[in-house]
Amino acid sequence: LPQPQPLVDRQALPFHEGRPLQLLAGPERIEAGWWDGDLATRDYFIAQAADASLLWVYRARLPVADEQQPLWFLHGRFG
């Protein structure tokens, strides 16, 4: 996806279209941007949606200032 889309977080699990995602693989830790001040620290997972499609999602690792800010994001779709 051109821009990651926020996902609903319930009991520390991501939800997509109102249904929980099943995490199949991960986490794969990505830490980038420390050299240019645009820090990104994320744990990526392959998840399966209720319709059996596979999604690439991540969870932000660093604490966020605003507790209302989402922690889970949809970053891509497979196939």
N, C-alpha and C. Protein backbone atom coordinates (compact mmCIF):
# COMPACT_ATOMS: atom_id res chain seq x y z
N LEU A 1 0.84 -1.18 0.00
CA LEU A 1 0.00 0.00 0.00
C LEU A 1 0.88 1.25 0.00
N PRO A 2 0.46 2.31 -0.65
CA PRO A 2 1.26 3.54 -0.66
C PRO A 2 1.49 4.10 0.75
N GLN A 3 0.48 4.02 1.61
CA GLN A 3 0.57 4.47 3.00
C GLN A 3 -0.01 3.39 3.90
N PRO A 4 0.67 3.08 5.02
CA PRO A 4 0.09 2.11 5.95
C PRO A 4 -1.26 2.59 6.47
N GLN A 5 -2.19 1.64 6.63
CA GLN A 5 -3.52 1.97 7.13
C GLN A 5 -3.65 1.50 8.57
N PRO A 6 -4.11 2.36 9.48
CA PRO A 6 -4.25 1.94 10.89
C PRO A 6 -5.30 0.84 11.04
N LEU A 7 -5.03 -0.06 11.97
CA LEU A 7 -5.95 -1.14 12.29
C LEU A 7 -6.44 -0.97 13.71
N VAL A 8 -7.62 -1.49 13.98
CA VAL A 8 -8.16 -1.50 15.34
C VAL A 8 -7.37 -2.49 16.16
N ASP A 9 -7.09 -2.15 17.40
CA ASP A 9 -6.34 -2.98 18.33
C ASP A 9 -7.27 -3.36 19.48
N ARG A 10 -7.49 -4.66 19.67
CA ARG A 10 -8.29 -5.14 20.80
C ARG A 10 -7.51 -6.23 21.51
N GLN A 11 -7.27 -6.01 22.77
CA GLN A 11 -6.52 -6.96 23.61
C GLN A 11 -5.19 -7.32 22.96
N ALA A 12 -4.50 -6.28 22.43
CA ALA A 12 -3.16 -6.39 21.83
C ALA A 12 -3.13 -7.16 20.51
N LEU A 13 -4.29 -7.38 19.88
CA LEU A 13 -4.35 -8.06 18.59
C LEU A 13 -4.97 -7.14 17.54
N PRO A 14 -4.49 -7.25 16.29
CA PRO A 14 -5.04 -6.40 15.22
C PRO A 14 -6.36 -6.95 14.69
N PHE A 15 -7.26 -6.02 14.35
CA PHE A 15 -8.54 -6.36 13.72
C PHE A 15 -8.60 -5.67 12.38
N HIS A 16 -9.16 -6.35 11.40
CA HIS A 16 -9.33 -5.79 10.06
C HIS A 16 -10.77 -6.04 9.64
N GLU A 17 -11.44 -4.98 9.23
CA GLU A 17 -12.86 -5.06 8.82
C GLU A 17 -13.71 -5.71 9.91
N GLY A 18 -13.42 -5.35 11.17
CA GLY A 18 -14.23 -5.81 12.30
C GLY A 18 -13.94 -7.20 12.80
N ARG A 19 -12.96 -7.88 12.21
CA ARG A 19 -12.67 -9.25 12.61
C ARG A 19 -11.19 -9.38 12.96
N PRO A 20 -10.89 -10.28 13.91
CA PRO A 20 -9.48 -10.42 14.32
C PRO A 20 -8.64 -11.05 13.22
N LEU A 21 -7.39 -10.63 13.14
CA LEU A 21 -6.44 -11.24 12.22
C LEU A 21 -5.71 -12.36 12.94
N GLN A 22 -5.41 -13.42 12.21
CA GLN A 22 -4.62 -14.52 12.76
C GLN A 22 -3.17 -14.28 12.33
N LEU A 23 -2.28 -14.12 13.29
CA LEU A 23 -0.88 -13.92 12.98
C LEU A 23 -0.24 -15.26 12.66
N LEU A 24 0.30 -15.39 11.44
CA LEU A 24 0.85 -16.66 10.97
C LEU A 24 2.37 -16.73 11.10
N ALA A 25 3.04 -15.62 10.89
CA ALA A 25 4.51 -15.60 10.92
C ALA A 25 4.98 -14.26 11.46
N GLY A 26 6.12 -14.31 12.13
CA GLY A 26 6.69 -13.09 12.68
C GLY A 26 6.85 -13.22 14.17
N PRO A 27 7.39 -12.23 14.76
CA PRO A 27 7.69 -10.93 14.18
C PRO A 27 9.04 -10.90 13.48
N GLU A 28 9.13 -10.03 12.48
CA GLU A 28 10.39 -9.67 11.86
C GLU A 28 10.64 -8.22 12.22
N ARG A 29 11.66 -8.00 13.02
CA ARG A 29 11.94 -6.67 13.55
C ARG A 29 12.67 -5.82 12.52
N ILE A 30 12.14 -4.62 12.27
CA ILE A 30 12.75 -3.66 11.37
C ILE A 30 13.06 -2.40 12.17
N GLU A 31 14.31 -1.98 12.10
CA GLU A 31 14.73 -0.72 12.72
C GLU A 31 15.47 0.07 11.65
N ALA A 32 14.93 1.20 11.26
CA ALA A 32 15.52 2.00 10.19
C ALA A 32 15.37 3.48 10.51
N GLY A 33 16.12 4.28 9.80
CA GLY A 33 16.00 5.72 9.93
C GLY A 33 16.77 6.33 11.07
N TRP A 34 17.47 5.52 11.85
CA TRP A 34 18.23 6.06 12.97
C TRP A 34 19.35 6.97 12.48
N TRP A 35 19.78 6.78 11.24
CA TRP A 35 20.88 7.58 10.70
C TRP A 35 20.44 8.94 10.19
N ASP A 36 19.16 9.09 9.89
CA ASP A 36 18.71 10.39 9.35
C ASP A 36 17.64 11.06 10.21
N GLY A 37 17.40 10.53 11.41
CA GLY A 37 16.45 11.15 12.32
C GLY A 37 15.00 10.79 12.06
N ASP A 38 14.71 9.90 11.09
CA ASP A 38 13.35 9.49 10.79
C ASP A 38 13.17 8.04 11.26
N LEU A 39 13.25 7.86 12.57
CA LEU A 39 13.28 6.53 13.17
C LEU A 39 11.98 5.77 12.94
N ALA A 40 12.11 4.52 12.52
CA ALA A 40 10.98 3.60 12.39
C ALA A 40 11.39 2.29 13.04
N THR A 41 10.68 1.88 14.08
CA THR A 41 10.93 0.62 14.76
C THR A 41 9.62 -0.16 14.77
N ARG A 42 9.62 -1.25 14.02
CA ARG A 42 8.37 -2.00 13.81
C ARG A 42 8.63 -3.49 13.87
N ASP A 43 7.60 -4.22 14.26
CA ASP A 43 7.59 -5.67 14.19
C ASP A 43 6.57 -6.07 13.14
N TYR A 44 7.05 -6.69 12.05
CA TYR A 44 6.18 -7.09 10.94
C TYR A 44 5.72 -8.54 11.09
N PHE A 45 4.49 -8.79 10.64
CA PHE A 45 3.88 -10.12 10.70
C PHE A 45 3.16 -10.40 9.39
N ILE A 46 3.06 -11.67 9.05
CA ILE A 46 2.13 -12.11 8.01
C ILE A 46 0.88 -12.56 8.76
N ALA A 47 -0.25 -12.02 8.35
CA ALA A 47 -1.52 -12.32 9.03
C ALA A 47 -2.54 -12.82 8.02
N GLN A 48 -3.48 -13.60 8.51
CA GLN A 48 -4.57 -14.09 7.66
C GLN A 48 -5.87 -13.44 8.10
N ALA A 49 -6.57 -12.87 7.12
CA ALA A 49 -7.85 -12.23 7.38
C ALA A 49 -8.96 -13.29 7.39
N ALA A 50 -10.15 -12.89 7.78
CA ALA A 50 -11.30 -13.79 7.86
C ALA A 50 -11.64 -14.41 6.50
N ASP A 51 -11.33 -13.69 5.40
CA ASP A 51 -11.62 -14.22 4.05
C ASP A 51 -10.47 -15.06 3.51
N ALA A 52 -9.49 -15.40 4.35
CA ALA A 52 -8.32 -16.23 4.05
C ALA A 52 -7.24 -15.49 3.26
N SER A 53 -7.42 -14.21 2.99
CA SER A 53 -6.36 -13.45 2.32
C SER A 53 -5.21 -13.21 3.28
N LEU A 54 -4.01 -13.07 2.72
CA LEU A 54 -2.82 -12.83 3.53
C LEU A 54 -2.45 -11.36 3.50
N LEU A 55 -2.15 -10.84 4.67
CA LEU A 55 -1.85 -9.42 4.83
C LEU A 55 -0.48 -9.26 5.47
N TRP A 56 0.15 -8.16 5.16
CA TRP A 56 1.42 -7.78 5.78
C TRP A 56 1.11 -6.67 6.76
N VAL A 57 1.26 -6.92 8.05
CA VAL A 57 0.89 -5.94 9.08
C VAL A 57 2.11 -5.70 9.97
N TYR A 58 2.08 -4.56 10.64
CA TYR A 58 3.13 -4.31 11.62
C TYR A 58 2.57 -3.67 12.86
N ARG A 59 3.34 -3.83 13.93
CA ARG A 59 3.03 -3.22 15.21
C ARG A 59 4.15 -2.23 15.52
N ALA A 60 3.78 -0.99 15.81
CA ALA A 60 4.77 0.01 16.21
C ALA A 60 5.39 -0.41 17.53
N ARG A 61 6.71 -0.29 17.65
CA ARG A 61 7.38 -0.76 18.85
C ARG A 61 7.59 0.29 19.91
N LEU A 62 7.90 1.49 19.51
CA LEU A 62 8.16 2.53 20.51
C LEU A 62 6.86 3.05 21.09
N PRO A 63 6.84 3.40 22.35
CA PRO A 63 5.62 3.99 22.93
C PRO A 63 5.25 5.27 22.19
N VAL A 64 3.98 5.47 22.04
CA VAL A 64 3.49 6.68 21.38
C VAL A 64 3.01 7.66 22.44
N ALA A 65 3.13 8.94 22.13
CA ALA A 65 2.74 9.98 23.09
C ALA A 65 1.24 9.97 23.35
N ASP A 66 0.47 9.73 22.31
CA ASP A 66 -0.99 9.75 22.39
C ASP A 66 -1.49 8.30 22.46
N GLU A 67 -2.10 7.93 23.58
CA GLU A 67 -2.58 6.56 23.74
C GLU A 67 -3.69 6.20 22.77
N GLN A 68 -4.31 7.18 22.14
CA GLN A 68 -5.36 6.92 21.15
C GLN A 68 -4.77 6.60 19.78
N GLN A 69 -3.47 6.83 19.59
CA GLN A 69 -2.81 6.55 18.32
C GLN A 69 -2.74 5.04 18.11
N PRO A 70 -3.05 4.56 16.91
CA PRO A 70 -3.03 3.11 16.67
C PRO A 70 -1.62 2.54 16.76
N LEU A 71 -1.53 1.29 17.17
CA LEU A 71 -0.25 0.59 17.24
C LEU A 71 -0.09 -0.41 16.09
N TRP A 72 -1.20 -0.89 15.53
CA TRP A 72 -1.18 -1.86 14.44
C TRP A 72 -1.53 -1.18 13.12
N PHE A 73 -0.86 -1.62 12.04
CA PHE A 73 -1.09 -1.04 10.72
C PHE A 73 -1.06 -2.13 9.65
N LEU A 74 -1.89 -1.96 8.64
CA LEU A 74 -1.85 -2.78 7.43
C LEU A 74 -0.90 -2.13 6.47
N HIS A 75 0.13 -2.87 6.03
CA HIS A 75 1.13 -2.29 5.14
C HIS A 75 1.07 -2.87 3.73
N GLY A 76 0.42 -4.03 3.57
CA GLY A 76 0.33 -4.60 2.24
C GLY A 76 -0.53 -5.85 2.22
N ARG A 77 -0.79 -6.30 0.99
CA ARG A 77 -1.58 -7.51 0.75
C ARG A 77 -0.78 -8.43 -0.16
N PHE A 78 -0.87 -9.72 0.07
CA PHE A 78 -0.20 -10.69 -0.78
C PHE A 78 -1.17 -11.19 -1.84
N GLY A 79 -0.65 -11.41 -3.02
CA GLY A 79 -1.44 -12.00 -4.11
C GLY A 79 -2.37 -11.03 -4.66
